[in-house]
Structure formats: C-alpha cells, structure tokens
Amino acid sequence: MTKKIIDAQINAYQPAFVQHGDSPKGTHQNNRETQYLRFQMLTENLLDNKTHSTIEDIGCGICDLYGYLKGLNLPIAGLKLSAK
C-alpha cells in the first residue's frame, strides 16, 4: 500500500475515531446492529462452505468481525479465527 493511500485512510478515519472511539461510529458505521447485519451478509456464503478453515479480520473496523464471528459460537471443527 502506498503512503498516499495510507495517508488518505488516516485522514478519512482519524476524526471519527477520535470523536467516537472504539465503536461502530468510530469506523463510519451507524451502530452495532447494522454493522453485524453487514458482517452477516459478508460471511453467509463463507460460513456455509465447510471447506474454509480460516477467516481473517482485515479492514473490518477494529477487529469487529472477529468479535462477531466469535459470538456466533460456530460449530465448525477446527475453525481458526485470527484478528490482524
């Protein structure tokens, strides 16, 4: 990733994070309910496919996807969740 892109992301997200902290609003999302609805839509096909053994939380807020998936108590043997 180039410095220009990184600087643009910092400029886009830093004011909201400073104002709202570690919350959905801190990453430009309405609230936890709509955030989790988005996560559900993003992962529904992945979670139906039992061949996946890892899902990485990259760029989904502040590892919020990890918390969402962990809260599902998925009955998939050997599922590995990692937050990056």
PDB file of N, CA and C in Angstrom:
ATOM      1  N   MET A   1       0.846  -1.166   0.000  1.00  0.00           N
ATOM      2  CA  MET A   1       0.000   0.000   0.000  1.00  0.00           C
ATOM      3  C   MET A   1       0.898   1.238   0.000  1.00  0.00           C
ATOM      4  N   THR A   2       0.543   2.197  -0.802  1.00  0.00           N
ATOM      5  CA  THR A   2       1.379   3.379  -0.904  1.00  0.00           C
ATOM      6  C   THR A   2       1.117   4.347   0.248  1.00  0.00           C
ATOM      7  N   LYS A   3       2.063   5.193   0.513  1.00  0.00           N
ATOM      8  CA  LYS A   3       1.924   6.198   1.566  1.00  0.00           C
ATOM      9  C   LYS A   3       0.733   7.101   1.289  1.00  0.00           C
ATOM     10  N   LYS A   4       0.479   7.405   0.034  1.00  0.00           N
ATOM     11  CA  LYS A   4      -0.659   8.258  -0.337  1.00  0.00           C
ATOM     12  C   LYS A   4      -1.984   7.616   0.096  1.00  0.00           C
ATOM     13  N   ILE A   5      -2.119   6.323  -0.140  1.00  0.00           N
ATOM     14  CA  ILE A   5      -3.342   5.614   0.250  1.00  0.00           C
ATOM     15  C   ILE A   5      -3.452   5.549   1.768  1.00  0.00           C
ATOM     16  N   ILE A   6      -2.370   5.236   2.438  1.00  0.00           N
ATOM     17  CA  ILE A   6      -2.383   5.162   3.905  1.00  0.00           C
ATOM     18  C   ILE A   6      -2.748   6.519   4.500  1.00  0.00           C
ATOM     19  N   ASP A   7      -2.141   7.590   3.994  1.00  0.00           N
ATOM     20  CA  ASP A   7      -2.456   8.931   4.490  1.00  0.00           C
ATOM     21  C   ASP A   7      -3.923   9.283   4.252  1.00  0.00           C
ATOM     22  N   ALA A   8      -4.462   8.901   3.103  1.00  0.00           N
ATOM     23  CA  ALA A   8      -5.874   9.169   2.808  1.00  0.00           C
ATOM     24  C   ALA A   8      -6.783   8.422   3.790  1.00  0.00           C
ATOM     25  N   GLN A   9      -6.427   7.181   4.125  1.00  0.00           N
ATOM     26  CA  GLN A   9      -7.222   6.411   5.086  1.00  0.00           C
ATOM     27  C   GLN A   9      -7.156   7.026   6.481  1.00  0.00           C
ATOM     28  N   ILE A  10      -5.978   7.449   6.878  1.00  0.00           N
ATOM     29  CA  ILE A  10      -5.832   8.102   8.185  1.00  0.00           C
ATOM     30  C   ILE A  10      -6.681   9.363   8.227  1.00  0.00           C
ATOM     31  N   ASN A  11      -6.604  10.167   7.182  1.00  0.00           N
ATOM     32  CA  ASN A  11      -7.377  11.414   7.145  1.00  0.00           C
ATOM     33  C   ASN A  11      -8.877  11.156   7.129  1.00  0.00           C
ATOM     34  N   ALA A  12      -9.299  10.056   6.525  1.00  0.00           N
ATOM     35  CA  ALA A  12     -10.722   9.727   6.461  1.00  0.00           C
ATOM     36  C   ALA A  12     -11.258   9.200   7.793  1.00  0.00           C
ATOM     37  N   TYR A  13     -10.482   8.374   8.478  1.00  0.00           N
ATOM     38  CA  TYR A  13     -10.994   7.697   9.674  1.00  0.00           C
ATOM     39  C   TYR A  13     -10.588   8.330  10.998  1.00  0.00           C
ATOM     40  N   GLN A  14      -9.483   9.020  11.064  1.00  0.00           N
ATOM     41  CA  GLN A  14      -8.992   9.533  12.335  1.00  0.00           C
ATOM     42  C   GLN A  14      -9.979  10.462  13.052  1.00  0.00           C
ATOM     43  N   PRO A  15     -10.603  11.420  12.376  1.00  0.00           N
ATOM     44  CA  PRO A  15     -11.536  12.299  13.096  1.00  0.00           C
ATOM     45  C   PRO A  15     -12.703  11.541  13.738  1.00  0.00           C
ATOM     46  N   ALA A  16     -13.263  10.563  13.026  1.00  0.00           N
ATOM     47  CA  ALA A  16     -14.369   9.785  13.585  1.00  0.00           C
ATOM     48  C   ALA A  16     -13.902   8.939  14.754  1.00  0.00           C
ATOM     49  N   PHE A  17     -12.708   8.370  14.641  1.00  0.00           N
ATOM     50  CA  PHE A  17     -12.197   7.541  15.727  1.00  0.00           C
ATOM     51  C   PHE A  17     -11.904   8.386  16.961  1.00  0.00           C
ATOM     52  N   VAL A  18     -11.345   9.553  16.765  1.00  0.00           N
ATOM     53  CA  VAL A  18     -11.060  10.440  17.896  1.00  0.00           C
ATOM     54  C   VAL A  18     -12.368  10.850  18.576  1.00  0.00           C
ATOM     55  N   GLN A  19     -13.384  11.129  17.782  1.00  0.00           N
ATOM     56  CA  GLN A  19     -14.669  11.568  18.345  1.00  0.00           C
ATOM     57  C   GLN A  19     -15.445  10.433  19.008  1.00  0.00           C
ATOM     58  N   HIS A  20     -15.481   9.251  18.366  1.00  0.00           N
ATOM     59  CA  HIS A  20     -16.357   8.163  18.831  1.00  0.00           C
ATOM     60  C   HIS A  20     -15.613   6.988  19.453  1.00  0.00           C
ATOM     61  N   GLY A  21     -14.293   6.950  19.326  1.00  0.00           N
ATOM     62  CA  GLY A  21     -13.519   5.870  19.930  1.00  0.00           C
ATOM     63  C   GLY A  21     -13.761   4.528  19.275  1.00  0.00           C
ATOM     64  N   ASP A  22     -13.481   3.477  20.027  1.00  0.00           N
ATOM     65  CA  ASP A  22     -13.598   2.092  19.558  1.00  0.00           C
ATOM     66  C   ASP A  22     -15.068   1.694  19.557  1.00  0.00           C
ATOM     67  N   SER A  23     -15.762   2.134  18.542  1.00  0.00           N
ATOM     68  CA  SER A  23     -17.193   1.851  18.399  1.00  0.00           C
ATOM     69  C   SER A  23     -17.512   1.826  16.915  1.00  0.00           C
ATOM     70  N   PRO A  24     -18.678   1.323  16.532  1.00  0.00           N
ATOM     71  CA  PRO A  24     -19.019   1.350  15.108  1.00  0.00           C
ATOM     72  C   PRO A  24     -18.928   2.759  14.508  1.00  0.00           C
ATOM     73  N   LYS A  25     -19.358   3.759  15.226  1.00  0.00           N
ATOM     74  CA  LYS A  25     -19.286   5.130  14.702  1.00  0.00           C
ATOM     75  C   LYS A  25     -17.847   5.585  14.516  1.00  0.00           C
ATOM     76  N   GLY A  26     -16.934   5.012  15.273  1.00  0.00           N
ATOM     77  CA  GLY A  26     -15.528   5.343  15.122  1.00  0.00           C
ATOM     78  C   GLY A  26     -14.939   4.870  13.802  1.00  0.00           C
ATOM     79  N   THR A  27     -15.659   3.974  13.122  1.00  0.00           N
ATOM     80  CA  THR A  27     -15.227   3.494  11.806  1.00  0.00           C
ATOM     81  C   THR A  27     -16.299   3.766  10.748  1.00  0.00           C
ATOM     82  N   HIS A  28     -17.040   4.849  10.928  1.00  0.00           N
ATOM     83  CA  HIS A  28     -18.031   5.332   9.954  1.00  0.00           C
ATOM     84  C   HIS A  28     -19.198   4.378   9.738  1.00  0.00           C
ATOM     85  N   GLN A  29     -19.631   3.701  10.774  1.00  0.00           N
ATOM     86  CA  GLN A  29     -20.793   2.823  10.669  1.00  0.00           C
ATOM     87  C   GLN A  29     -21.875   3.358  11.599  1.00  0.00           C
ATOM     88  N   ASN A  30     -23.131   3.052  11.296  1.00  0.00           N
ATOM     89  CA  ASN A  30     -24.245   3.608  12.067  1.00  0.00           C
ATOM     90  C   ASN A  30     -24.276   3.127  13.506  1.00  0.00           C
ATOM     91  N   ASN A  31     -24.282   1.814  13.682  1.00  0.00           N
ATOM     92  CA  ASN A  31     -24.398   1.220  15.011  1.00  0.00           C
ATOM     93  C   ASN A  31     -24.028  -0.259  14.923  1.00  0.00           C
ATOM     94  N   ARG A  32     -23.981  -0.926  16.057  1.00  0.00           N
ATOM     95  CA  ARG A  32     -23.574  -2.336  16.100  1.00  0.00           C
ATOM     96  C   ARG A  32     -24.554  -3.213  15.308  1.00  0.00           C
ATOM     97  N   GLU A  33     -25.846  -2.902  15.379  1.00  0.00           N
ATOM     98  CA  GLU A  33     -26.848  -3.719  14.686  1.00  0.00           C
ATOM     99  C   GLU A  33     -26.613  -3.725  13.171  1.00  0.00           C
ATOM    100  N   THR A  34     -26.421  -2.559  12.572  1.00  0.00           N
ATOM    101  CA  THR A  34     -26.203  -2.519  11.124  1.00  0.00           C
ATOM    102  C   THR A  34     -24.811  -3.051  10.766  1.00  0.00           C
ATOM    103  N   GLN A  35     -23.859  -2.868  11.670  1.00  0.00           N
ATOM    104  CA  GLN A  35     -22.527  -3.429  11.443  1.00  0.00           C
ATOM    105  C   GLN A  35     -22.616  -4.956  11.382  1.00  0.00           C
ATOM    106  N   TYR A  36     -23.314  -5.564  12.329  1.00  0.00           N
ATOM    107  CA  TYR A  36     -23.435  -7.018  12.355  1.00  0.00           C
ATOM    108  C   TYR A  36     -24.276  -7.528  11.186  1.00  0.00           C
ATOM    109  N   LEU A  37     -25.254  -6.763  10.739  1.00  0.00           N
ATOM    110  CA  LEU A  37     -26.015  -7.146   9.560  1.00  0.00           C
ATOM    111  C   LEU A  37     -25.089  -7.183   8.344  1.00  0.00           C
ATOM    112  N   ARG A  38     -24.208  -6.200   8.240  1.00  0.00           N
ATOM    113  CA  ARG A  38     -23.222  -6.182   7.148  1.00  0.00           C
ATOM    114  C   ARG A  38     -22.305  -7.400   7.237  1.00  0.00           C
ATOM    115  N   PHE A  39     -21.841  -7.725   8.450  1.00  0.00           N
ATOM    116  CA  PHE A  39     -20.986  -8.893   8.632  1.00  0.00           C
ATOM    117  C   PHE A  39     -21.720 -10.180   8.257  1.00  0.00           C
ATOM    118  N   GLN A  40     -22.988 -10.263   8.621  1.00  0.00           N
ATOM    119  CA  GLN A  40     -23.782 -11.442   8.286  1.00  0.00           C
ATOM    120  C   GLN A  40     -23.857 -11.610   6.774  1.00  0.00           C
ATOM    121  N   MET A  41     -24.104 -10.517   6.067  1.00  0.00           N
ATOM    122  CA  MET A  41     -24.202 -10.580   4.611  1.00  0.00           C
ATOM    123  C   MET A  41     -22.850 -10.918   3.976  1.00  0.00           C
ATOM    124  N   LEU A  42     -21.771 -10.399   4.544  1.00  0.00           N
ATOM    125  CA  LEU A  42     -20.436 -10.679   4.011  1.00  0.00           C
ATOM    126  C   LEU A  42     -20.011 -12.127   4.208  1.00  0.00           C
ATOM    127  N   THR A  43     -20.436 -12.741   5.290  1.00  0.00           N
ATOM    128  CA  THR A  43     -19.927 -14.065   5.651  1.00  0.00           C
ATOM    129  C   THR A  43     -20.883 -15.217   5.400  1.00  0.00           C
ATOM    130  N   GLU A  44     -22.142 -14.951   5.055  1.00  0.00           N
ATOM    131  CA  GLU A  44     -23.102 -16.048   4.986  1.00  0.00           C
ATOM    132  C   GLU A  44     -22.685 -17.145   4.011  1.00  0.00           C
ATOM    133  N   ASN A  45     -22.151 -16.817   2.874  1.00  0.00           N
ATOM    134  CA  ASN A  45     -21.715 -17.855   1.929  1.00  0.00           C
ATOM    135  C   ASN A  45     -20.435 -18.537   2.390  1.00  0.00           C
ATOM    136  N   LEU A  46     -19.549 -17.794   3.027  1.00  0.00           N
ATOM    137  CA  LEU A  46     -18.315 -18.401   3.528  1.00  0.00           C
ATOM    138  C   LEU A  46     -18.609 -19.406   4.624  1.00  0.00           C
ATOM    139  N   LEU A  47     -19.526 -19.055   5.518  1.00  0.00           N
ATOM    140  CA  LEU A  47     -19.809 -19.925   6.653  1.00  0.00           C
ATOM    141  C   LEU A  47     -20.588 -21.167   6.249  1.00  0.00           C
ATOM    142  N   ASP A  48     -21.280 -21.119   5.101  1.00  0.00           N
ATOM    143  CA  ASP A  48     -21.977 -22.301   4.605  1.00  0.00           C
ATOM    144  C   ASP A  48     -21.024 -23.297   3.969  1.00  0.00           C
ATOM    145  N   ASN A  49     -19.858 -22.844   3.554  1.00  0.00           N
ATOM    146  CA  ASN A  49     -18.879 -23.696   2.890  1.00  0.00           C
ATOM    147  C   ASN A  49     -17.916 -24.233   3.952  1.00  0.00           C
ATOM    148  N   LYS A  50     -18.063 -25.480   4.299  1.00  0.00           N
ATOM    149  CA  LYS A  50     -17.283 -26.076   5.390  1.00  0.00           C
ATOM    150  C   LYS A  50     -15.820 -26.323   5.028  1.00  0.00           C
ATOM    151  N   THR A  51     -15.411 -26.018   3.795  1.00  0.00           N
ATOM    152  CA  THR A  51     -14.024 -26.251   3.412  1.00  0.00           C
ATOM    153  C   THR A  51     -13.100 -25.139   3.889  1.00  0.00           C
ATOM    154  N   HIS A  52     -13.632 -23.998   4.255  1.00  0.00           N
ATOM    155  CA  HIS A  52     -12.791 -22.901   4.750  1.00  0.00           C
ATOM    156  C   HIS A  52     -12.365 -23.198   6.181  1.00  0.00           C
ATOM    157  N   SER A  53     -11.103 -23.028   6.457  1.00  0.00           N
ATOM    158  CA  SER A  53     -10.637 -23.292   7.811  1.00  0.00           C
ATOM    159  C   SER A  53     -10.192 -22.028   8.531  1.00  0.00           C
ATOM    160  N   THR A  54     -10.010 -20.943   7.805  1.00  0.00           N
ATOM    161  CA  THR A  54      -9.631 -19.692   8.458  1.00  0.00           C
ATOM    162  C   THR A  54     -10.374 -18.520   7.824  1.00  0.00           C
ATOM    163  N   ILE A  55     -10.644 -17.543   8.648  1.00  0.00           N
ATOM    164  CA  ILE A  55     -11.194 -16.266   8.203  1.00  0.00           C
ATOM    165  C   ILE A  55     -10.370 -15.212   8.905  1.00  0.00           C
ATOM    166  N   GLU A  56      -9.841 -14.263   8.148  1.00  0.00           N
ATOM    167  CA  GLU A  56      -9.027 -13.213   8.751  1.00  0.00           C
ATOM    168  C   GLU A  56      -9.778 -11.897   8.738  1.00  0.00           C
ATOM    169  N   ASP A  57      -9.745 -11.209   9.850  1.00  0.00           N
ATOM    170  CA  ASP A  57     -10.409  -9.925  10.024  1.00  0.00           C
ATOM    171  C   ASP A  57      -9.424  -8.824   9.652  1.00  0.00           C
ATOM    172  N   ILE A  58      -9.485  -8.390   8.415  1.00  0.00           N
ATOM    173  CA  ILE A  58      -8.592  -7.339   7.937  1.00  0.00           C
ATOM    174  C   ILE A  58      -9.462  -6.252   7.324  1.00  0.00           C
ATOM    175  N   GLY A  59      -9.429  -5.079   7.892  1.00  0.00           N
ATOM    176  CA  GLY A  59     -10.179  -3.965   7.335  1.00  0.00           C
ATOM    177  C   GLY A  59     -11.647  -3.964   7.687  1.00  0.00           C
ATOM    178  N   CYS A  60     -12.023  -4.544   8.800  1.00  0.00           N
ATOM    179  CA  CYS A  60     -13.430  -4.584   9.208  1.00  0.00           C
ATOM    180  C   CYS A  60     -13.626  -3.821  10.508  1.00  0.00           C
ATOM    181  N   GLY A  61     -13.138  -2.622  10.557  1.00  0.00           N
ATOM    182  CA  GLY A  61     -13.208  -1.867  11.792  1.00  0.00           C
ATOM    183  C   GLY A  61     -12.032  -2.229  12.660  1.00  0.00           C
ATOM    184  N   ILE A  62     -12.264  -2.303  13.925  1.00  0.00           N
ATOM    185  CA  ILE A  62     -11.180  -2.572  14.861  1.00  0.00           C
ATOM    186  C   ILE A  62     -11.338  -4.006  15.343  1.00  0.00           C
ATOM    187  N   CYS A  63     -11.093  -4.924  14.400  1.00  0.00           N
ATOM    188  CA  CYS A  63     -11.261  -6.368  14.629  1.00  0.00           C
ATOM    189  C   CYS A  63     -12.683  -6.704  15.053  1.00  0.00           C
ATOM    190  N   ASP A  64     -13.645  -5.925  14.583  1.00  0.00           N
ATOM    191  CA  ASP A  64     -15.037  -6.166  14.942  1.00  0.00           C
ATOM    192  C   ASP A  64     -15.597  -7.428  14.303  1.00  0.00           C
ATOM    193  N   LEU A  65     -15.114  -7.787  13.123  1.00  0.00           N
ATOM    194  CA  LEU A  65     -15.579  -9.027  12.504  1.00  0.00           C
ATOM    195  C   LEU A  65     -15.195 -10.221  13.364  1.00  0.00           C
ATOM    196  N   TYR A  66     -14.029 -10.178  13.950  1.00  0.00           N
ATOM    197  CA  TYR A  66     -13.585 -11.247  14.845  1.00  0.00           C
ATOM    198  C   TYR A  66     -14.576 -11.427  15.995  1.00  0.00           C
ATOM    199  N   GLY A  67     -14.954 -10.334  16.638  1.00  0.00           N
ATOM    200  CA  GLY A  67     -15.916 -10.407  17.737  1.00  0.00           C
ATOM    201  C   GLY A  67     -17.260 -10.945  17.283  1.00  0.00           C
ATOM    202  N   TYR A  68     -17.690 -10.536  16.113  1.00  0.00           N
ATOM    203  CA  TYR A  68     -18.954 -11.025  15.561  1.00  0.00           C
ATOM    204  C   TYR A  68     -18.898 -12.536  15.360  1.00  0.00           C
ATOM    205  N   LEU A  69     -17.851 -13.018  14.694  1.00  0.00           N
ATOM    206  CA  LEU A  69     -17.731 -14.448  14.435  1.00  0.00           C
ATOM    207  C   LEU A  69     -17.572 -15.253  15.722  1.00  0.00           C
ATOM    208  N   LYS A  70     -16.801 -14.730  16.640  1.00  0.00           N
ATOM    209  CA  LYS A  70     -16.605 -15.417  17.919  1.00  0.00           C
ATOM    210  C   LYS A  70     -17.932 -15.554  18.660  1.00  0.00           C
ATOM    211  N   GLY A  71     -18.760 -14.520  18.566  1.00  0.00           N
ATOM    212  CA  GLY A  71     -20.063 -14.542  19.227  1.00  0.00           C
ATOM    213  C   GLY A  71     -21.051 -15.519  18.619  1.00  0.00           C
ATOM    214  N   LEU A  72     -20.784 -16.000  17.419  1.00  0.00           N
ATOM    215  CA  LEU A  72     -21.683 -16.968  16.777  1.00  0.00           C
ATOM    216  C   LEU A  72     -21.528 -18.372  17.338  1.00  0.00           C
ATOM    217  N   ASN A  73     -20.434 -18.628  18.057  1.00  0.00           N
ATOM    218  CA  ASN A  73     -20.163 -19.978  18.578  1.00  0.00           C
ATOM    219  C   ASN A  73     -20.327 -21.018  17.476  1.00  0.00           C
ATOM    220  N   LEU A  74     -19.597 -20.825  16.404  1.00  0.00           N
ATOM    221  CA  LEU A  74     -19.737 -21.673  15.230  1.00  0.00           C
ATOM    222  C   LEU A  74     -19.372 -23.128  15.519  1.00  0.00           C
ATOM    223  N   PRO A  75     -20.219 -24.053  15.085  1.00  0.00           N
ATOM    224  CA  PRO A  75     -19.966 -25.476  15.322  1.00  0.00           C
ATOM    225  C   PRO A  75     -19.094 -26.103  14.240  1.00  0.00           C
ATOM    226  N   ILE A  76     -18.060 -25.407  13.830  1.00  0.00           N
ATOM    227  CA  ILE A  76     -17.187 -25.915  12.784  1.00  0.00           C
ATOM    228  C   ILE A  76     -15.898 -26.398  13.447  1.00  0.00           C
ATOM    229  N   ALA A  77     -15.624 -27.663  13.320  1.00  0.00           N
ATOM    230  CA  ALA A  77     -14.426 -28.237  13.941  1.00  0.00           C
ATOM    231  C   ALA A  77     -13.175 -27.589  13.374  1.00  0.00           C
ATOM    232  N   GLY A  78     -12.288 -27.211  14.246  1.00  0.00           N
ATOM    233  CA  GLY A  78     -11.006 -26.691  13.819  1.00  0.00           C
ATOM    234  C   GLY A  78     -11.040 -25.272  13.278  1.00  0.00           C
ATOM    235  N   LEU A  79     -12.165 -24.556  13.417  1.00  0.00           N
ATOM    236  CA  LEU A  79     -12.227 -23.191  12.929  1.00  0.00           C
ATOM    237  C   LEU A  79     -11.216 -22.324  13.660  1.00  0.00           C
ATOM    238  N   LYS A  80     -10.440 -21.596  12.889  1.00  0.00           N
ATOM    239  CA  LYS A  80      -9.438 -20.709  13.474  1.00  0.00           C
ATOM    240  C   LYS A  80      -9.830 -19.276  13.159  1.00  0.00           C
ATOM    241  N   LEU A  81      -9.949 -18.450  14.161  1.00  0.00           N
ATOM    242  CA  LEU A  81     -10.234 -17.034  13.969  1.00  0.00           C
ATOM    243  C   LEU A  81      -8.999 -16.252  14.339  1.00  0.00           C
ATOM    244  N   SER A  82      -8.591 -15.355  13.475  1.00  0.00           N
ATOM    245  CA  SER A  82      -7.439 -14.513  13.812  1.00  0.00           C
ATOM    246  C   SER A  82      -7.754 -13.076  13.443  1.00  0.00           C
ATOM    247  N   ALA A  83      -7.436 -12.182  14.346  1.00  0.00           N
ATOM    248  CA  ALA A  83      -7.624 -10.752  14.108  1.00  0.00           C
ATOM    249  C   ALA A  83      -6.265 -10.142  13.768  1.00  0.00           C
ATOM    250  N   LYS A  84      -6.223  -9.387  12.694  1.00  0.00           N
ATOM    251  CA  LYS A  84      -4.969  -8.758  12.255  1.00  0.00           C
ATOM    252  C   LYS A  84      -5.138  -7.260  12.304  1.00  0.00           C
TER     253      LYS A  84
END
